[in-house]
N, C-alpha and C. Protein backbone atom coordinates (compact mmCIF):
# COMPACT_ATOMS: atom_id res chain seq x y z
N MET A 1 0.85 -1.17 0.00
CA MET A 1 0.00 0.00 0.00
C MET A 1 0.89 1.23 0.00
N SER A 2 0.75 2.08 -1.01
CA SER A 2 1.61 3.26 -1.10
C SER A 2 1.07 4.38 -0.25
N GLU A 3 2.00 5.23 0.15
CA GLU A 3 1.66 6.34 1.02
C GLU A 3 1.16 7.50 0.17
N ASN A 4 0.01 8.02 0.49
CA ASN A 4 -0.57 9.13 -0.24
C ASN A 4 0.04 10.42 0.29
N THR A 5 0.65 11.20 -0.60
CA THR A 5 1.29 12.44 -0.16
C THR A 5 0.29 13.43 0.41
N ALA A 6 -0.98 13.28 0.07
CA ALA A 6 -2.00 14.16 0.64
C ALA A 6 -2.20 13.87 2.13
N ASP A 7 -1.81 12.69 2.56
CA ASP A 7 -1.94 12.32 3.97
C ASP A 7 -0.77 12.82 4.81
N ILE A 8 0.26 13.37 4.17
CA ILE A 8 1.46 13.85 4.86
C ILE A 8 1.29 15.34 5.14
N ILE A 9 1.59 15.70 6.39
CA ILE A 9 1.51 17.11 6.77
C ILE A 9 2.82 17.55 7.41
N ASN A 10 3.06 18.84 7.41
CA ASN A 10 4.22 19.42 8.08
C ASN A 10 3.75 20.02 9.40
N ILE A 11 4.44 19.66 10.47
CA ILE A 11 4.13 20.25 11.77
C ILE A 11 5.44 20.65 12.43
N ASN A 12 5.33 21.48 13.43
CA ASN A 12 6.46 21.83 14.28
C ASN A 12 6.11 21.43 15.70
N VAL A 13 7.02 20.74 16.33
CA VAL A 13 6.86 20.45 17.75
C VAL A 13 8.06 21.05 18.48
N ILE A 14 7.84 21.47 19.69
CA ILE A 14 8.92 22.01 20.50
C ILE A 14 9.21 21.03 21.61
N ILE A 15 10.45 20.60 21.68
CA ILE A 15 10.89 19.68 22.71
C ILE A 15 12.11 20.30 23.39
N ALA A 16 12.01 20.47 24.70
CA ALA A 16 13.08 21.08 25.49
C ALA A 16 13.50 22.42 24.89
N ASP A 17 12.50 23.22 24.56
CA ASP A 17 12.69 24.58 24.04
C ASP A 17 13.34 24.65 22.66
N ARG A 18 13.36 23.54 21.93
CA ARG A 18 13.90 23.55 20.56
C ARG A 18 12.80 23.11 19.60
N PRO A 19 12.64 23.86 18.50
CA PRO A 19 11.62 23.48 17.52
C PRO A 19 12.14 22.36 16.61
N TYR A 20 11.25 21.45 16.28
CA TYR A 20 11.55 20.35 15.38
C TYR A 20 10.48 20.28 14.29
N PRO A 21 10.84 20.64 13.06
CA PRO A 21 9.89 20.51 11.96
C PRO A 21 9.81 19.03 11.55
N LEU A 22 8.60 18.54 11.41
CA LEU A 22 8.39 17.13 11.07
C LEU A 22 7.41 16.99 9.92
N LYS A 23 7.61 15.95 9.13
CA LYS A 23 6.64 15.53 8.13
C LYS A 23 6.08 14.21 8.62
N ILE A 24 4.78 14.21 8.87
CA ILE A 24 4.14 13.02 9.43
C ILE A 24 2.81 12.76 8.72
N LYS A 25 2.28 11.59 8.95
CA LYS A 25 0.94 11.29 8.46
C LYS A 25 -0.06 12.09 9.30
N LYS A 26 -1.09 12.59 8.66
CA LYS A 26 -2.12 13.36 9.36
C LYS A 26 -2.68 12.55 10.53
N SER A 27 -2.83 11.25 10.35
CA SER A 27 -3.39 10.39 11.39
C SER A 27 -2.48 10.28 12.62
N GLU A 28 -1.20 10.65 12.49
CA GLU A 28 -0.25 10.56 13.60
C GLU A 28 -0.12 11.87 14.38
N GLU A 29 -0.72 12.94 13.88
CA GLU A 29 -0.48 14.26 14.47
C GLU A 29 -0.80 14.31 15.96
N GLU A 30 -1.95 13.82 16.35
CA GLU A 30 -2.35 13.88 17.76
C GLU A 30 -1.37 13.11 18.64
N ASP A 31 -0.94 11.94 18.19
CA ASP A 31 0.00 11.14 18.97
C ASP A 31 1.37 11.81 19.07
N VAL A 32 1.83 12.39 17.98
CA VAL A 32 3.13 13.07 17.99
C VAL A 32 3.09 14.27 18.94
N ARG A 33 2.04 15.06 18.85
CA ARG A 33 1.94 16.22 19.74
C ARG A 33 1.80 15.79 21.21
N SER A 34 1.07 14.73 21.44
CA SER A 34 0.93 14.21 22.80
C SER A 34 2.27 13.71 23.33
N ALA A 35 3.02 13.02 22.50
CA ALA A 35 4.34 12.53 22.91
C ALA A 35 5.27 13.69 23.23
N ALA A 36 5.23 14.73 22.42
CA ALA A 36 6.07 15.91 22.68
C ALA A 36 5.69 16.56 24.01
N ARG A 37 4.40 16.64 24.29
CA ARG A 37 3.95 17.20 25.58
C ARG A 37 4.47 16.36 26.75
N GLU A 38 4.38 15.04 26.61
CA GLU A 38 4.85 14.15 27.67
C GLU A 38 6.35 14.30 27.89
N ILE A 39 7.11 14.38 26.81
CA ILE A 39 8.55 14.56 26.93
C ILE A 39 8.86 15.88 27.63
N ASN A 40 8.17 16.94 27.23
CA ASN A 40 8.40 18.24 27.87
C ASN A 40 8.06 18.22 29.35
N GLU A 41 7.01 17.49 29.72
CA GLU A 41 6.67 17.36 31.14
C GLU A 41 7.77 16.62 31.90
N LYS A 42 8.29 15.55 31.31
CA LYS A 42 9.38 14.80 31.95
C LYS A 42 10.61 15.68 32.09
N VAL A 43 10.93 16.44 31.05
CA VAL A 43 12.08 17.34 31.12
C VAL A 43 11.90 18.33 32.26
N LYS A 44 10.70 18.90 32.40
CA LYS A 44 10.42 19.84 33.50
C LYS A 44 10.59 19.17 34.85
N GLN A 45 10.10 17.92 34.96
CA GLN A 45 10.24 17.20 36.23
C GLN A 45 11.71 16.99 36.57
N TYR A 46 12.50 16.59 35.59
CA TYR A 46 13.92 16.38 35.83
C TYR A 46 14.64 17.69 36.15
N GLN A 47 14.21 18.79 35.53
CA GLN A 47 14.81 20.09 35.83
C GLN A 47 14.59 20.46 37.30
N GLN A 48 13.44 20.13 37.83
CA GLN A 48 13.15 20.45 39.22
C GLN A 48 13.95 19.61 40.19
N VAL A 49 14.22 18.36 39.80
CA VAL A 49 14.94 17.45 40.69
C VAL A 49 16.45 17.59 40.54
N TYR A 50 16.92 17.78 39.31
CA TYR A 50 18.36 17.83 39.02
C TYR A 50 18.70 19.20 38.44
N ALA A 51 18.73 20.21 39.27
CA ALA A 51 18.90 21.59 38.82
C ALA A 51 20.24 21.86 38.15
N ALA A 52 21.25 21.04 38.37
CA ALA A 52 22.57 21.31 37.81
C ALA A 52 22.75 20.71 36.41
N LYS A 53 21.80 19.96 35.93
CA LYS A 53 21.94 19.28 34.63
C LYS A 53 21.52 20.19 33.48
N ASP A 54 22.04 19.91 32.28
CA ASP A 54 21.58 20.67 31.11
C ASP A 54 20.47 19.90 30.40
N LYS A 55 19.88 20.52 29.41
CA LYS A 55 18.70 19.90 28.76
C LYS A 55 19.03 18.59 28.06
N GLN A 56 20.24 18.44 27.56
CA GLN A 56 20.64 17.18 26.94
C GLN A 56 20.53 16.04 27.96
N ASP A 57 20.94 16.32 29.20
CA ASP A 57 20.83 15.30 30.25
C ASP A 57 19.38 14.97 30.55
N TYR A 58 18.53 15.99 30.59
CA TYR A 58 17.11 15.75 30.85
C TYR A 58 16.49 14.92 29.73
N LEU A 59 16.86 15.23 28.50
CA LEU A 59 16.34 14.45 27.36
C LEU A 59 16.83 13.01 27.41
N ALA A 60 18.10 12.83 27.77
CA ALA A 60 18.64 11.47 27.87
C ALA A 60 17.91 10.68 28.96
N MET A 61 17.68 11.30 30.10
CA MET A 61 16.97 10.61 31.19
C MET A 61 15.54 10.30 30.78
N SER A 62 14.89 11.22 30.06
CA SER A 62 13.52 10.98 29.58
C SER A 62 13.50 9.82 28.60
N ALA A 63 14.44 9.81 27.67
CA ALA A 63 14.51 8.73 26.68
C ALA A 63 14.74 7.39 27.36
N LEU A 64 15.62 7.37 28.36
CA LEU A 64 15.89 6.13 29.09
C LEU A 64 14.64 5.66 29.82
N MET A 65 13.94 6.58 30.47
CA MET A 65 12.73 6.23 31.20
C MET A 65 11.67 5.64 30.26
N TYR A 66 11.48 6.27 29.11
CA TYR A 66 10.49 5.76 28.16
C TYR A 66 10.92 4.43 27.55
N ALA A 67 12.21 4.24 27.34
CA ALA A 67 12.70 2.96 26.81
C ALA A 67 12.47 1.84 27.82
N VAL A 68 12.73 2.12 29.09
CA VAL A 68 12.50 1.13 30.15
C VAL A 68 11.01 0.78 30.22
N GLN A 69 10.15 1.80 30.16
CA GLN A 69 8.71 1.54 30.17
C GLN A 69 8.29 0.68 28.98
N HIS A 70 8.87 0.96 27.82
CA HIS A 70 8.55 0.20 26.61
C HIS A 70 8.95 -1.27 26.78
N ILE A 71 10.15 -1.49 27.31
CA ILE A 71 10.62 -2.86 27.53
C ILE A 71 9.74 -3.58 28.54
N GLU A 72 9.38 -2.89 29.63
CA GLU A 72 8.50 -3.49 30.63
C GLU A 72 7.14 -3.83 30.02
N ASN A 73 6.61 -2.94 29.19
CA ASN A 73 5.32 -3.19 28.53
C ASN A 73 5.41 -4.38 27.58
N GLN A 74 6.53 -4.51 26.87
CA GLN A 74 6.71 -5.65 25.98
C GLN A 74 6.72 -6.96 26.77
N LYS A 75 7.46 -6.95 27.89
CA LYS A 75 7.51 -8.16 28.73
C LYS A 75 6.13 -8.49 29.27
N LYS A 76 5.42 -7.48 29.73
CA LYS A 76 4.09 -7.70 30.29
C LYS A 76 3.16 -8.25 29.21
N THR A 77 3.22 -7.69 28.02
CA THR A 77 2.38 -8.16 26.92
C THR A 77 2.72 -9.60 26.57
N LYS A 78 4.01 -9.91 26.55
CA LYS A 78 4.44 -11.28 26.24
C LYS A 78 3.95 -12.24 27.32
N ASP A 79 4.09 -11.84 28.59
CA ASP A 79 3.63 -12.69 29.70
C ASP A 79 2.12 -12.90 29.63
N GLU A 80 1.38 -11.82 29.37
CA GLU A 80 -0.07 -11.93 29.28
C GLU A 80 -0.48 -12.79 28.10
N SER A 81 0.24 -12.65 27.00
CA SER A 81 -0.06 -13.45 25.81
C SER A 81 0.20 -14.94 26.09
N SER A 82 1.30 -15.23 26.77
CA SER A 82 1.62 -16.63 27.11
C SER A 82 0.55 -17.21 28.03
N HIS A 83 0.14 -16.42 29.02
CA HIS A 83 -0.89 -16.87 29.94
C HIS A 83 -2.21 -17.12 29.19
N PHE A 84 -2.56 -16.21 28.29
CA PHE A 84 -3.78 -16.36 27.50
C PHE A 84 -3.72 -17.62 26.65
N GLU A 85 -2.56 -17.86 26.02
CA GLU A 85 -2.40 -19.05 25.19
C GLU A 85 -2.54 -20.33 26.02
N GLU A 86 -1.97 -20.31 27.23
CA GLU A 86 -2.09 -21.47 28.12
C GLU A 86 -3.55 -21.72 28.48
N GLU A 87 -4.26 -20.67 28.85
CA GLU A 87 -5.66 -20.81 29.22
C GLU A 87 -6.50 -21.27 28.03
N LEU A 88 -6.20 -20.75 26.86
CA LEU A 88 -6.92 -21.15 25.65
C LEU A 88 -6.66 -22.62 25.34
N SER A 89 -5.43 -23.05 25.51
CA SER A 89 -5.08 -24.45 25.28
C SER A 89 -5.83 -25.36 26.26
N LYS A 90 -5.90 -24.96 27.51
CA LYS A 90 -6.64 -25.74 28.51
C LYS A 90 -8.11 -25.84 28.12
N LEU A 91 -8.67 -24.73 27.69
CA LEU A 91 -10.07 -24.71 27.28
C LEU A 91 -10.29 -25.62 26.07
N GLU A 92 -9.39 -25.55 25.10
CA GLU A 92 -9.50 -26.41 23.92
C GLU A 92 -9.45 -27.88 24.32
N ASN A 93 -8.55 -28.22 25.24
CA ASN A 93 -8.43 -29.61 25.68
C ASN A 93 -9.69 -30.05 26.43
N THR A 94 -10.29 -29.15 27.17
CA THR A 94 -11.53 -29.46 27.89
C THR A 94 -12.67 -29.73 26.90
N LEU A 95 -12.68 -28.98 25.80
CA LEU A 95 -13.78 -29.09 24.83
C LEU A 95 -13.61 -30.25 23.86
N LYS A 96 -12.42 -30.84 23.79
CA LYS A 96 -12.21 -31.96 22.87
C LYS A 96 -13.02 -33.16 23.33
N PRO A 97 -13.61 -33.90 22.35
CA PRO A 97 -14.41 -35.08 22.71
C PRO A 97 -13.56 -36.23 23.20
């Protein structure tokens, strides 16, 4: 399926006081802007806790935190999927004649 250029838009997001021009799918705009807001909130939180750090450090800590959350979510999803498959297998075995 080819990407329709009409679906691509140009937006600017500001992260840690720096503007970033992006070309994204129109359907992604809300998620991209939401992610930028979340990153900026994390940067502000780190600024309050670690006053001696520069913005690069805040961004690095934010990226690390989100990467850890992503890994934890992947593990949780995998564990839940395995559990679901086990339960489904038990149910299938129960229903077999």
